Amino acid sequence: MIENTKLTALVTSRICHDMVEPMSAIIQGLEMIKSDADGKPDPDALSLLDNGVGKAWAKLEFFRFAMGGALAEGDSELEEGRAVANKLFGVLKPELVWSAPAVAMPRPAVRVIVNLLLIANECLPRGGTVEISAEKLPEGGEVIVTAKGPRAKLREATGLALKGEGEELTGHTIQPTLTGLLARQGGVEISAKESEECVQLIARSAAFKL
């Protein structure tokens, strides 16, 4: 079991890591505005500010939804995670394709799926598409997150972290570790399949209702 203090510290480390790029853009844009002698708005500075603020807000909303404890309990639907996912992928390289039908599930499972979307993004170093779909099973159902693109690959450390088998817990592995922990606590089975330029992350549960 992960100690709460260590878990909190590593989650904070991960969030800070993801916030560096947008905050740097905001700071750079502000510095450009301050150094502008003629007092006219610099289009490049305004673009940096707009880009930085947009990315920062999207990532903060995502992490609040995916990792925030306030959304831990109750019944929900997969659709609850759609808005925050669309907003996040609006500032990421891959395109998000939402092909999943309505799926009823416990709220912790929604958080698991949304976290899988972020992991799928990290499987695509050169961009591509992340598609979310769902299928009905004899008992329950499964949600499939498919990452397709050049050099698509699931990092070995990420795969182990999802299974709870990673030896070293770091800021880079805390998000898949937390995803796997949420899945096991919520009765969601996670598996992964890889083929050429394609990674599939599959969440299966008897509690999924299509």
N, C-alpha and C. Protein backbone atom coordinates (compact mmCIF):
# COMPACT_ATOMS: atom_id res chain seq x y z
N MET A 1 0.85 -1.20 0.00
CA MET A 1 0.00 0.00 0.00
C MET A 1 0.89 1.25 0.00
N ILE A 2 0.55 2.23 -0.84
CA ILE A 2 1.33 3.44 -0.93
C ILE A 2 0.98 4.34 0.25
N GLU A 3 1.99 4.90 0.90
CA GLU A 3 1.73 5.83 2.00
C GLU A 3 1.08 7.09 1.45
N ASN A 4 0.11 7.63 2.22
CA ASN A 4 -0.63 8.80 1.76
C ASN A 4 0.28 9.99 1.49
N THR A 5 1.27 10.20 2.35
CA THR A 5 2.17 11.35 2.17
C THR A 5 2.99 11.22 0.90
N LYS A 6 3.44 10.00 0.63
CA LYS A 6 4.23 9.79 -0.60
C LYS A 6 3.34 9.92 -1.82
N LEU A 7 2.13 9.39 -1.74
CA LEU A 7 1.19 9.49 -2.85
C LEU A 7 0.89 10.95 -3.17
N THR A 8 0.62 11.74 -2.14
CA THR A 8 0.32 13.16 -2.33
C THR A 8 1.50 13.89 -2.95
N ALA A 9 2.70 13.59 -2.47
CA ALA A 9 3.90 14.26 -2.97
C ALA A 9 4.13 13.94 -4.44
N LEU A 10 3.92 12.68 -4.83
CA LEU A 10 4.18 12.29 -6.21
C LEU A 10 3.10 12.81 -7.16
N VAL A 11 1.85 12.84 -6.70
CA VAL A 11 0.78 13.43 -7.52
C VAL A 11 1.06 14.91 -7.75
N THR A 12 1.49 15.59 -6.69
CA THR A 12 1.85 17.00 -6.81
C THR A 12 3.00 17.19 -7.78
N SER A 13 3.99 16.30 -7.72
CA SER A 13 5.13 16.37 -8.63
C SER A 13 4.68 16.21 -10.08
N ARG A 14 3.76 15.29 -10.32
CA ARG A 14 3.28 15.06 -11.68
C ARG A 14 2.52 16.28 -12.20
N ILE A 15 1.65 16.83 -11.37
CA ILE A 15 0.88 18.01 -11.78
C ILE A 15 1.81 19.18 -12.08
N CYS A 16 2.79 19.40 -11.20
CA CYS A 16 3.75 20.49 -11.41
C CYS A 16 4.52 20.30 -12.71
N HIS A 17 4.90 19.05 -13.00
CA HIS A 17 5.64 18.75 -14.24
C HIS A 17 4.81 19.13 -15.46
N ASP A 18 3.52 18.78 -15.44
CA ASP A 18 2.65 19.07 -16.58
C ASP A 18 2.31 20.54 -16.71
N MET A 19 2.43 21.29 -15.61
CA MET A 19 2.08 22.70 -15.64
C MET A 19 3.24 23.61 -16.03
N VAL A 20 4.45 23.06 -16.11
CA VAL A 20 5.62 23.88 -16.41
C VAL A 20 5.49 24.55 -17.78
N GLU A 21 5.12 23.78 -18.82
CA GLU A 21 5.05 24.35 -20.18
C GLU A 21 4.04 25.49 -20.28
N PRO A 22 2.77 25.30 -19.87
CA PRO A 22 1.83 26.43 -20.01
C PRO A 22 2.19 27.63 -19.15
N MET A 23 2.73 27.40 -17.94
CA MET A 23 3.10 28.52 -17.09
C MET A 23 4.29 29.28 -17.67
N SER A 24 5.20 28.56 -18.31
CA SER A 24 6.34 29.22 -18.96
C SER A 24 5.86 30.12 -20.10
N ALA A 25 4.86 29.65 -20.85
CA ALA A 25 4.31 30.46 -21.94
C ALA A 25 3.65 31.72 -21.40
N ILE A 26 2.92 31.58 -20.29
CA ILE A 26 2.28 32.74 -19.67
C ILE A 26 3.31 33.76 -19.21
N ILE A 27 4.35 33.28 -18.55
CA ILE A 27 5.40 34.17 -18.04
C ILE A 27 6.13 34.86 -19.19
N GLN A 28 6.43 34.10 -20.24
CA GLN A 28 7.14 34.68 -21.39
C GLN A 28 6.27 35.75 -22.06
N GLY A 29 4.98 35.46 -22.19
CA GLY A 29 4.08 36.44 -22.79
C GLY A 29 4.00 37.72 -21.98
N LEU A 30 3.94 37.59 -20.64
CA LEU A 30 3.91 38.77 -19.77
C LEU A 30 5.20 39.58 -19.87
N GLU A 31 6.33 38.88 -19.94
CA GLU A 31 7.62 39.58 -20.06
C GLU A 31 7.70 40.35 -21.38
N MET A 32 7.17 39.77 -22.44
CA MET A 32 7.18 40.46 -23.74
C MET A 32 6.32 41.71 -23.69
N ILE A 33 5.18 41.64 -23.00
CA ILE A 33 4.30 42.80 -22.88
C ILE A 33 4.98 43.90 -22.05
N LYS A 34 5.65 43.52 -20.98
CA LYS A 34 6.33 44.48 -20.11
C LYS A 34 7.47 45.19 -20.83
N SER A 35 8.15 44.47 -21.73
CA SER A 35 9.31 45.04 -22.41
C SER A 35 8.95 45.80 -23.68
N ASP A 36 7.67 45.83 -24.02
CA ASP A 36 7.23 46.53 -25.23
C ASP A 36 7.20 48.03 -24.96
N ALA A 37 8.10 48.74 -25.62
CA ALA A 37 8.28 50.17 -25.33
C ALA A 37 7.15 51.05 -25.87
N ASP A 38 6.53 50.67 -26.99
CA ASP A 38 5.52 51.55 -27.59
C ASP A 38 4.14 51.39 -26.96
N GLY A 39 3.99 50.46 -26.06
CA GLY A 39 2.73 50.30 -25.35
C GLY A 39 1.62 49.63 -26.13
N LYS A 40 1.90 49.18 -27.35
CA LYS A 40 0.90 48.48 -28.14
C LYS A 40 0.96 46.97 -27.87
N PRO A 41 -0.18 46.30 -27.83
CA PRO A 41 -0.18 44.86 -27.59
C PRO A 41 0.58 44.10 -28.67
N ASP A 42 1.49 43.27 -28.28
CA ASP A 42 2.26 42.46 -29.21
C ASP A 42 1.45 41.19 -29.53
N PRO A 43 1.12 40.96 -30.81
CA PRO A 43 0.33 39.77 -31.16
C PRO A 43 0.97 38.47 -30.71
N ASP A 44 2.30 38.40 -30.78
CA ASP A 44 3.00 37.18 -30.36
C ASP A 44 2.87 36.99 -28.84
N ALA A 45 2.96 38.08 -28.10
CA ALA A 45 2.82 38.00 -26.65
C ALA A 45 1.41 37.57 -26.26
N LEU A 46 0.42 38.15 -26.93
CA LEU A 46 -0.97 37.78 -26.65
C LEU A 46 -1.24 36.33 -27.01
N SER A 47 -0.60 35.84 -28.09
CA SER A 47 -0.76 34.45 -28.50
C SER A 47 -0.17 33.51 -27.46
N LEU A 48 1.01 33.88 -26.93
CA LEU A 48 1.63 33.07 -25.89
C LEU A 48 0.76 33.01 -24.64
N LEU A 49 0.23 34.16 -24.26
CA LEU A 49 -0.64 34.21 -23.08
C LEU A 49 -1.89 33.36 -23.29
N ASP A 50 -2.51 33.51 -24.45
CA ASP A 50 -3.73 32.77 -24.74
C ASP A 50 -3.47 31.27 -24.74
N ASN A 51 -2.37 30.86 -25.37
CA ASN A 51 -2.01 29.45 -25.44
C ASN A 51 -1.69 28.90 -24.05
N GLY A 52 -0.91 29.66 -23.28
CA GLY A 52 -0.52 29.20 -21.95
C GLY A 52 -1.70 29.08 -21.00
N VAL A 53 -2.58 30.09 -21.01
CA VAL A 53 -3.75 30.06 -20.14
C VAL A 53 -4.68 28.90 -20.52
N GLY A 54 -4.87 28.70 -21.83
CA GLY A 54 -5.74 27.62 -22.29
C GLY A 54 -5.23 26.25 -21.86
N LYS A 55 -3.93 26.02 -22.02
CA LYS A 55 -3.35 24.74 -21.64
C LYS A 55 -3.39 24.54 -20.13
N ALA A 56 -3.06 25.60 -19.39
CA ALA A 56 -3.06 25.50 -17.93
C ALA A 56 -4.44 25.16 -17.40
N TRP A 57 -5.46 25.84 -17.92
CA TRP A 57 -6.82 25.63 -17.43
C TRP A 57 -7.31 24.22 -17.79
N ALA A 58 -7.02 23.77 -19.02
CA ALA A 58 -7.44 22.43 -19.44
C ALA A 58 -6.80 21.35 -18.58
N LYS A 59 -5.51 21.51 -18.29
CA LYS A 59 -4.81 20.50 -17.50
C LYS A 59 -5.25 20.50 -16.05
N LEU A 60 -5.48 21.69 -15.49
CA LEU A 60 -5.95 21.77 -14.11
C LEU A 60 -7.33 21.13 -13.96
N GLU A 61 -8.22 21.41 -14.90
CA GLU A 61 -9.56 20.80 -14.85
C GLU A 61 -9.47 19.28 -14.98
N PHE A 62 -8.57 18.83 -15.86
CA PHE A 62 -8.42 17.39 -16.04
C PHE A 62 -7.93 16.72 -14.76
N PHE A 63 -6.86 17.25 -14.18
CA PHE A 63 -6.31 16.63 -12.99
C PHE A 63 -7.29 16.69 -11.82
N ARG A 64 -8.05 17.75 -11.74
CA ARG A 64 -9.05 17.86 -10.68
C ARG A 64 -10.09 16.75 -10.84
N PHE A 65 -10.52 16.49 -12.07
CA PHE A 65 -11.51 15.45 -12.32
C PHE A 65 -10.91 14.06 -12.15
N ALA A 66 -9.73 13.84 -12.74
CA ALA A 66 -9.15 12.49 -12.77
C ALA A 66 -8.58 12.04 -11.44
N MET A 67 -8.07 12.99 -10.66
CA MET A 67 -7.38 12.62 -9.43
C MET A 67 -8.00 13.21 -8.17
N GLY A 68 -9.01 14.07 -8.33
CA GLY A 68 -9.61 14.72 -7.17
C GLY A 68 -10.49 13.78 -6.37
N GLY A 69 -10.34 13.78 -5.07
CA GLY A 69 -11.09 12.89 -4.21
C GLY A 69 -12.57 13.21 -4.12
N ALA A 70 -12.97 14.44 -4.47
CA ALA A 70 -14.37 14.83 -4.32
C ALA A 70 -15.30 14.07 -5.26
N LEU A 71 -14.75 13.45 -6.29
CA LEU A 71 -15.58 12.76 -7.27
C LEU A 71 -15.47 11.24 -7.11
N ALA A 72 -15.16 10.77 -5.92
CA ALA A 72 -14.81 9.37 -5.74
C ALA A 72 -15.99 8.41 -5.69
N GLU A 73 -17.16 8.87 -5.28
CA GLU A 73 -18.24 7.94 -5.01
C GLU A 73 -19.47 8.18 -5.89
N GLY A 74 -20.40 7.21 -5.85
CA GLY A 74 -21.68 7.37 -6.53
C GLY A 74 -21.75 6.73 -7.90
N ASP A 75 -22.96 6.72 -8.46
CA ASP A 75 -23.18 6.19 -9.80
C ASP A 75 -23.05 7.30 -10.83
N SER A 76 -22.64 6.93 -12.03
CA SER A 76 -22.43 7.93 -13.06
C SER A 76 -22.54 7.29 -14.43
N GLU A 77 -22.08 8.01 -15.43
CA GLU A 77 -22.02 7.52 -16.80
C GLU A 77 -20.69 7.94 -17.41
N LEU A 78 -20.23 7.18 -18.38
CA LEU A 78 -18.98 7.51 -19.06
C LEU A 78 -19.00 8.92 -19.61
N GLU A 79 -20.16 9.38 -20.06
CA GLU A 79 -20.33 10.71 -20.65
C GLU A 79 -19.88 11.83 -19.72
N GLU A 80 -19.88 11.56 -18.40
CA GLU A 80 -19.48 12.59 -17.45
C GLU A 80 -18.04 13.06 -17.69
N GLY A 81 -17.21 12.17 -18.21
CA GLY A 81 -15.82 12.53 -18.44
C GLY A 81 -15.54 13.14 -19.80
N ARG A 82 -16.57 13.25 -20.64
CA ARG A 82 -16.35 13.69 -22.02
C ARG A 82 -15.91 15.14 -22.13
N ALA A 83 -16.56 16.03 -21.41
CA ALA A 83 -16.25 17.46 -21.54
C ALA A 83 -14.81 17.76 -21.12
N VAL A 84 -14.38 17.20 -19.98
CA VAL A 84 -13.02 17.47 -19.51
C VAL A 84 -11.99 16.82 -20.44
N ALA A 85 -12.34 15.67 -21.02
CA ALA A 85 -11.44 15.02 -21.96
C ALA A 85 -11.31 15.82 -23.25
N ASN A 86 -12.43 16.33 -23.77
CA ASN A 86 -12.39 17.15 -24.99
C ASN A 86 -11.55 18.41 -24.77
N LYS A 87 -11.70 19.00 -23.60
CA LYS A 87 -10.95 20.22 -23.31
C LYS A 87 -9.46 19.94 -23.24
N LEU A 88 -9.09 18.82 -22.61
CA LEU A 88 -7.67 18.47 -22.51
C LEU A 88 -7.08 18.20 -23.88
N PHE A 89 -7.77 17.40 -24.69
CA PHE A 89 -7.22 17.05 -26.00
C PHE A 89 -7.24 18.23 -26.97
N GLY A 90 -7.96 19.28 -26.61
CA GLY A 90 -7.89 20.49 -27.41
C GLY A 90 -6.54 21.17 -27.35
N VAL A 91 -5.72 20.81 -26.34
CA VAL A 91 -4.39 21.42 -26.20
C VAL A 91 -3.28 20.37 -26.34
N LEU A 92 -3.64 19.14 -26.73
CA LEU A 92 -2.65 18.09 -26.92
C LEU A 92 -2.49 17.80 -28.41
N LYS A 93 -1.45 17.04 -28.78
CA LYS A 93 -1.20 16.72 -30.18
C LYS A 93 -2.25 15.79 -30.79
N PRO A 94 -2.57 14.67 -30.14
CA PRO A 94 -3.51 13.73 -30.77
C PRO A 94 -4.93 14.29 -30.84
N GLU A 95 -5.69 13.74 -31.77
CA GLU A 95 -7.11 14.07 -31.88
C GLU A 95 -7.90 13.04 -31.08
N LEU A 96 -8.88 13.51 -30.31
CA LEU A 96 -9.75 12.61 -29.56
C LEU A 96 -11.00 12.30 -30.37
N VAL A 97 -11.26 11.01 -30.55
CA VAL A 97 -12.46 10.56 -31.26
C VAL A 97 -13.32 9.80 -30.25
N TRP A 98 -14.47 10.36 -29.92
CA TRP A 98 -15.36 9.76 -28.92
C TRP A 98 -16.43 8.93 -29.65
N SER A 99 -16.22 7.63 -29.72
CA SER A 99 -17.14 6.74 -30.43
C SER A 99 -17.96 5.88 -29.47
N ALA A 100 -17.78 6.08 -28.18
CA ALA A 100 -18.46 5.24 -27.19
C ALA A 100 -19.93 5.62 -27.06
N PRO A 101 -20.81 4.63 -26.95
CA PRO A 101 -22.21 4.90 -26.66
C PRO A 101 -22.37 5.20 -25.18
N ALA A 102 -23.59 5.39 -24.74
CA ALA A 102 -23.84 5.63 -23.32
C ALA A 102 -23.48 4.38 -22.52
N VAL A 103 -22.68 4.56 -21.48
CA VAL A 103 -22.30 3.46 -20.60
C VAL A 103 -22.49 3.91 -19.16
N ALA A 104 -23.36 3.23 -18.43
CA ALA A 104 -23.54 3.52 -17.01
C ALA A 104 -22.46 2.79 -16.23
N MET A 105 -21.89 3.47 -15.23
CA MET A 105 -20.82 2.88 -14.44
C MET A 105 -20.64 3.68 -13.15
N PRO A 106 -19.98 3.09 -12.15
CA PRO A 106 -19.68 3.85 -10.94
C PRO A 106 -18.73 5.01 -11.26
N ARG A 107 -18.83 6.09 -10.50
CA ARG A 107 -18.01 7.27 -10.76
C ARG A 107 -16.50 6.97 -10.70
N PRO A 108 -16.02 6.11 -9.78
CA PRO A 108 -14.58 5.80 -9.81
C PRO A 108 -14.14 5.21 -11.14
N ALA A 109 -15.03 4.46 -11.80
CA ALA A 109 -14.68 3.89 -13.10
C ALA A 109 -14.55 4.96 -14.17
N VAL A 110 -15.37 6.01 -14.09
CA VAL A 110 -15.25 7.13 -15.03
C VAL A 110 -13.86 7.75 -14.90
N ARG A 111 -13.41 7.90 -13.67
CA ARG A 111 -12.08 8.47 -13.43
C ARG A 111 -10.99 7.56 -14.00
N VAL A 112 -11.19 6.24 -13.90
CA VAL A 112 -10.23 5.30 -14.48
C VAL A 112 -10.14 5.50 -15.99
N ILE A 113 -11.29 5.58 -16.66
CA ILE A 113 -11.30 5.73 -18.12
C ILE A 113 -10.64 7.04 -18.54
N VAL A 114 -10.95 8.12 -17.83
CA VAL A 114 -10.37 9.43 -18.17
C VAL A 114 -8.85 9.39 -18.00
N ASN A 115 -8.38 8.71 -16.96
CA ASN A 115 -6.94 8.56 -16.78
C ASN A 115 -6.31 7.73 -17.90
N LEU A 116 -7.03 6.74 -18.39
CA LEU A 116 -6.53 5.94 -19.51
C LEU A 116 -6.36 6.78 -20.77
N LEU A 117 -7.22 7.79 -20.93
CA LEU A 117 -7.08 8.69 -22.08
C LEU A 117 -5.76 9.45 -22.03
N LEU A 118 -5.37 9.88 -20.84
CA LEU A 118 -4.09 10.58 -20.71
C LEU A 118 -2.93 9.64 -20.98
N ILE A 119 -3.03 8.40 -20.51
CA ILE A 119 -1.98 7.41 -20.78
C ILE A 119 -1.89 7.14 -22.28
N ALA A 120 -3.04 7.07 -22.95
CA ALA A 120 -3.05 6.86 -24.40
C ALA A 120 -2.34 8.00 -25.12
N ASN A 121 -2.56 9.22 -24.67
CA ASN A 121 -1.86 10.37 -25.25
C ASN A 121 -0.34 10.21 -25.14
N GLU A 122 0.12 9.70 -24.01
CA GLU A 122 1.55 9.55 -23.80
C GLU A 122 2.14 8.41 -24.62
N CYS A 123 1.27 7.58 -25.20
CA CYS A 123 1.73 6.51 -26.10
C CYS A 123 2.01 7.04 -27.50
N LEU A 124 1.68 8.31 -27.75
CA LEU A 124 1.78 8.89 -29.10
C LEU A 124 2.75 10.06 -29.12
N PRO A 125 4.04 9.79 -29.17
CA PRO A 125 5.03 10.87 -29.14
C PRO A 125 4.96 11.81 -30.33
N ARG A 126 4.39 11.33 -31.44
CA ARG A 126 4.31 12.16 -32.66
C ARG A 126 2.86 12.47 -33.03
N GLY A 127 1.96 12.34 -32.09
CA GLY A 127 0.57 12.63 -32.36
C GLY A 127 -0.13 11.46 -33.02
N GLY A 128 -1.38 11.68 -33.37
CA GLY A 128 -2.20 10.62 -33.96
C GLY A 128 -3.63 10.78 -33.50
N THR A 129 -4.29 9.67 -33.23
CA THR A 129 -5.66 9.71 -32.75
C THR A 129 -5.82 8.83 -31.51
N VAL A 130 -6.65 9.29 -30.60
CA VAL A 130 -7.06 8.50 -29.44
C VAL A 130 -8.56 8.32 -29.55
N GLU A 131 -9.00 7.08 -29.72
CA GLU A 131 -10.42 6.80 -29.87
C GLU A 131 -10.94 6.03 -28.67
N ILE A 132 -12.10 6.41 -28.18
CA ILE A 132 -12.73 5.70 -27.08
C ILE A 132 -14.01 5.05 -27.59
N SER A 133 -14.13 3.75 -27.37
CA SER A 133 -15.30 3.00 -27.80
C SER A 133 -15.71 2.05 -26.68
N ALA A 134 -16.82 1.37 -26.85
CA ALA A 134 -17.30 0.46 -25.81
C ALA A 134 -18.06 -0.70 -26.45
N GLU A 135 -18.02 -1.84 -25.78
CA GLU A 135 -18.72 -3.02 -26.26
C GLU A 135 -19.41 -3.72 -25.09
N LYS A 136 -20.56 -4.29 -25.39
CA LYS A 136 -21.30 -5.04 -24.38
C LYS A 136 -20.77 -6.45 -24.30
N LEU A 137 -20.64 -6.97 -23.09
CA LEU A 137 -20.19 -8.33 -22.86
C LEU A 137 -21.33 -9.14 -22.24
N PRO A 138 -21.22 -10.50 -22.24
CA PRO A 138 -22.26 -11.30 -21.58
C PRO A 138 -22.52 -10.85 -20.15
N GLU A 139 -21.45 -10.45 -19.48
CA GLU A 139 -21.59 -9.88 -18.14
C GLU A 139 -20.88 -8.54 -18.10
N GLY A 140 -21.65 -7.47 -18.09
CA GLY A 140 -21.06 -6.14 -18.05
C GLY A 140 -20.64 -5.65 -19.42
N GLY A 141 -19.50 -4.99 -19.47
CA GLY A 141 -19.02 -4.45 -20.73
C GLY A 141 -17.57 -4.03 -20.63
N GLU A 142 -17.04 -3.50 -21.71
CA GLU A 142 -15.67 -3.02 -21.72
C GLU A 142 -15.58 -1.72 -22.50
N VAL A 143 -14.70 -0.87 -22.04
CA VAL A 143 -14.41 0.40 -22.71
C VAL A 143 -13.00 0.29 -23.26
N ILE A 144 -12.84 0.59 -24.55
CA ILE A 144 -11.55 0.45 -25.21
C ILE A 144 -11.02 1.83 -25.60
N VAL A 145 -9.81 2.13 -25.16
CA VAL A 145 -9.13 3.38 -25.53
C VAL A 145 -8.01 2.99 -26.49
N THR A 146 -8.11 3.43 -27.74
CA THR A 146 -7.16 3.03 -28.78
C THR A 146 -6.31 4.22 -29.21
N ALA A 147 -5.00 4.08 -29.08
CA ALA A 147 -4.06 5.11 -29.51
C ALA A 147 -3.39 4.66 -30.81
N LYS A 148 -3.55 5.44 -31.87
CA LYS A 148 -2.95 5.10 -33.16
C LYS A 148 -2.10 6.27 -33.65
N GLY A 149 -0.90 5.96 -34.08
CA GLY A 149 -0.03 7.01 -34.59
C GLY A 149 1.39 6.51 -34.76
N PRO A 150 2.26 7.32 -35.41
CA PRO A 150 3.65 6.93 -35.61
C PRO A 150 4.34 6.62 -34.28
N ARG A 151 5.01 5.47 -34.24
CA ARG A 151 5.79 5.03 -33.07
C ARG A 151 4.94 4.90 -31.81
N ALA A 152 3.68 4.57 -31.97
CA ALA A 152 2.82 4.36 -30.81
C ALA A 152 3.36 3.22 -29.96
N LYS A 153 3.51 3.46 -28.68
CA LYS A 153 4.07 2.44 -27.80
C LYS A 153 3.71 2.73 -26.35
N LEU A 154 3.37 1.68 -25.62
CA LEU A 154 3.13 1.78 -24.19
C LEU A 154 4.44 1.54 -23.46
N ARG A 155 4.87 2.51 -22.69
CA ARG A 155 6.12 2.35 -21.96
C ARG A 155 6.01 1.16 -21.00
N GLU A 156 7.10 0.41 -20.89
CA GLU A 156 7.11 -0.75 -20.00
C GLU A 156 6.80 -0.35 -18.57
N ALA A 157 7.38 0.75 -18.11
CA ALA A 157 7.14 1.21 -16.73
C ALA A 157 5.68 1.57 -16.51
N THR A 158 5.04 2.14 -17.54
CA THR A 158 3.63 2.49 -17.44
C THR A 158 2.76 1.24 -17.36
N GLY A 159 3.06 0.25 -18.19
CA GLY A 159 2.31 -0.99 -18.17
C GLY A 159 2.41 -1.70 -16.83
N LEU A 160 3.61 -1.72 -16.26
CA LEU A 160 3.81 -2.35 -14.95
C LEU A 160 3.07 -1.57 -13.86
N ALA A 161 3.12 -0.24 -13.96
CA ALA A 161 2.45 0.60 -12.96
C ALA A 161 0.94 0.37 -12.97
N LEU A 162 0.36 0.20 -14.16
CA LEU A 162 -1.07 -0.06 -14.26
C LEU A 162 -1.44 -1.36 -13.55
N LYS A 163 -0.54 -2.33 -13.58
CA LYS A 163 -0.78 -3.62 -12.94
C LYS A 163 -0.43 -3.60 -11.45
N GLY A 164 0.18 -2.50 -10.99
CA GLY A 164 0.63 -2.45 -9.61
C GLY A 164 1.89 -3.23 -9.37
N GLU A 165 2.68 -3.43 -10.44
CA GLU A 165 3.89 -4.24 -10.35
C GLU A 165 5.18 -3.43 -10.49
N GLY A 166 5.06 -2.14 -10.65
CA GLY A 166 6.25 -1.32 -10.80
C GLY A 166 7.09 -1.31 -9.54
N GLU A 167 8.40 -1.41 -9.71
CA GLU A 167 9.29 -1.44 -8.55
C GLU A 167 9.54 -0.05 -7.99
N GLU A 168 9.68 0.93 -8.87
CA GLU A 168 10.03 2.29 -8.43
C GLU A 168 8.86 3.23 -8.72
N LEU A 169 8.39 3.91 -7.68
CA LEU A 169 7.31 4.87 -7.83
C LEU A 169 7.90 6.27 -7.97
N THR A 170 7.63 6.92 -9.10
CA THR A 170 8.18 8.24 -9.38
C THR A 170 7.07 9.16 -9.85
N GLY A 171 7.44 10.42 -10.10
CA GLY A 171 6.48 11.37 -10.64
C GLY A 171 5.97 10.96 -12.01
N HIS A 172 6.76 10.17 -12.75
CA HIS A 172 6.35 9.74 -14.09
C HIS A 172 5.41 8.53 -14.03
N THR A 173 5.53 7.72 -12.99
CA THR A 173 4.70 6.52 -12.91
C THR A 173 3.52 6.66 -11.94
N ILE A 174 3.42 7.80 -11.25
CA ILE A 174 2.36 7.93 -10.26
C ILE A 174 0.97 7.93 -10.91
N GLN A 175 0.84 8.54 -12.08
CA GLN A 175 -0.49 8.61 -12.70
C GLN A 175 -0.99 7.22 -13.12
N PRO A 176 -0.20 6.39 -13.83
CA PRO A 176 -0.68 5.04 -14.11
C PRO A 176 -0.81 4.17 -12.86
N THR A 177 0.03 4.42 -11.85
CA THR A 177 -0.10 3.68 -10.60
C THR A 177 -1.42 4.00 -9.93
N LEU A 178 -1.77 5.28 -9.88
CA LEU A 178 -3.04 5.69 -9.28
C LEU A 178 -4.22 5.16 -10.10
N THR A 179 -4.07 5.15 -11.43
CA THR A 179 -5.12 4.61 -12.29
C THR A 179 -5.37 3.14 -12.00
N GLY A 180 -4.30 2.38 -11.88
CA GLY A 180 -4.42 0.96 -11.56
C GLY A 180 -5.03 0.74 -10.19
N LEU A 181 -4.65 1.58 -9.24
CA LEU A 181 -5.19 1.47 -7.88
C LEU A 181 -6.69 1.76 -7.87
N LEU A 182 -7.10 2.81 -8.57
CA LEU A 182 -8.53 3.14 -8.67
C LEU A 182 -9.31 2.00 -9.33
N ALA A 183 -8.69 1.39 -10.36
CA ALA A 183 -9.35 0.30 -11.07
C ALA A 183 -9.56 -0.91 -10.16
N ARG A 184 -8.53 -1.27 -9.45
CA ARG A 184 -8.65 -2.44 -8.57
C ARG A 184 -9.64 -2.19 -7.44
N GLN A 185 -9.66 -0.98 -6.92
CA GLN A 185 -10.62 -0.65 -5.87
C GLN A 185 -12.05 -0.65 -6.38
N GLY A 186 -12.23 -0.31 -7.67
CA GLY A 186 -13.56 -0.20 -8.24
C GLY A 186 -14.01 -1.43 -9.02
N GLY A 187 -13.25 -2.51 -8.96
CA GLY A 187 -13.62 -3.73 -9.66
C GLY A 187 -13.49 -3.64 -11.17
N VAL A 188 -12.55 -2.83 -11.65
CA VAL A 188 -12.31 -2.68 -13.09
C VAL A 188 -11.02 -3.39 -13.46
N GLU A 189 -11.10 -4.28 -14.43
CA GLU A 189 -9.92 -4.99 -14.91
C GLU A 189 -9.32 -4.25 -16.10
N ILE A 190 -8.03 -3.94 -16.01
CA ILE A 190 -7.35 -3.22 -17.08
C ILE A 190 -6.37 -4.16 -17.78
N SER A 191 -6.39 -4.12 -19.10
CA SER A 191 -5.41 -4.87 -19.89
C SER A 191 -4.94 -4.00 -21.05
N ALA A 192 -3.85 -4.40 -21.68
CA ALA A 192 -3.29 -3.64 -22.79
C ALA A 192 -2.90 -4.57 -23.93
N LYS A 193 -3.11 -4.10 -25.17
CA LYS A 193 -2.70 -4.83 -26.36
C LYS A 193 -1.91 -3.88 -27.25
N GLU A 194 -0.84 -4.38 -27.84
CA GLU A 194 -0.02 -3.57 -28.73
C GLU A 194 0.14 -4.24 -30.08
N SER A 195 0.07 -3.45 -31.13
CA SER A 195 0.38 -3.89 -32.48
C SER A 195 1.11 -2.75 -33.17
N GLU A 196 1.37 -2.88 -34.45
CA GLU A 196 2.14 -1.86 -35.15
C GLU A 196 1.41 -0.52 -35.13
N GLU A 197 2.07 0.49 -34.51
CA GLU A 197 1.55 1.85 -34.42
C GLU A 197 0.16 1.90 -33.76
N CYS A 198 -0.08 1.00 -32.83
CA CYS A 198 -1.38 0.96 -32.17
C CYS A 198 -1.25 0.39 -30.76
N VAL A 199 -1.87 1.07 -29.80
CA VAL A 199 -1.94 0.59 -28.42
C VAL A 199 -3.39 0.64 -27.98
N GLN A 200 -3.88 -0.46 -27.43
CA GLN A 200 -5.24 -0.51 -26.90
C GLN A 200 -5.19 -0.71 -25.38
N LEU A 201 -5.89 0.17 -24.68
CA LEU A 201 -6.05 0.06 -23.24
C LEU A 201 -7.51 -0.31 -22.98
N ILE A 202 -7.72 -1.45 -22.35
CA ILE A 202 -9.07 -2.00 -22.21
C ILE A 202 -9.47 -2.05 -20.74
N ALA A 203 -10.61 -1.45 -20.43
CA ALA A 203 -11.16 -1.47 -19.08
C ALA A 203 -12.43 -2.31 -19.11
N ARG A 204 -12.47 -3.36 -18.30
CA ARG A 204 -13.60 -4.29 -18.32
C ARG A 204 -14.19 -4.42 -16.92
N SER A 205 -15.52 -4.43 -16.84
CA SER A 205 -16.17 -4.55 -15.52
C SER A 205 -17.59 -5.09 -15.67
N ALA A 206 -17.99 -5.88 -14.70
CA ALA A 206 -19.37 -6.37 -14.67
C ALA A 206 -20.34 -5.23 -14.34
N ALA A 207 -19.81 -4.12 -13.83
CA ALA A 207 -20.65 -2.99 -13.46
C ALA A 207 -20.94 -2.05 -14.64
N PHE A 208 -20.28 -2.27 -15.78
CA PHE A 208 -20.52 -1.43 -16.96
C PHE A 208 -21.82 -1.89 -17.62
N LYS A 209 -22.72 -0.94 -17.83
CA LYS A 209 -24.03 -1.27 -18.42
C LYS A 209 -24.26 -0.46 -19.69
N LEU A 210 -24.33 -1.18 -20.82
CA LEU A 210 -24.55 -0.55 -22.12
C LEU A 210 -26.01 -0.74 -22.55
